[in-house]
Amino acid sequence: MLRRIVWFVFIIPLAALLVVFAVANREAVTVSLDPVSAEPAFAVQMPLYIVIFLTLIIGVAIGGFASWLSQGKWRRKARASRDEAARWRVKAEAAGADGGARALPAPKRAA
């Protein structure tokens, strides 16, 4: 239910706004990475909305990649903790099979 509310309240108006933006900015602009010369060697003409959307998509991808790189140490720690838990689990199962492990007593309840 909440997903439908979010869809109707946010996603549909945002999509309509993007369509209006694209229609309003469909004039062709020249995109070039050569700021010095008047006649650049490589230039592309495309609608302004495509330039803005591509810039936005590339920015989100670069930001996601930077975030993923910065979280590497946390993933490494999580992987080490998972491996340690697996080792302890195997060790506990081996001790239980040998009869060396004892069950913990039930906790005492306060009256």
Foldseek 3Di string as FASTA:
>chain_A
DVVVVCCVPPVVVVVVVLVVVCVVFFDWDKDDPDPPDPDDPDIDIGTPSVVVVVVVVVVVVVVVVVVVVVCVVVVVVVVVVVVVVVVVVVVVVVCVVVVNDDDDDDDDDDD
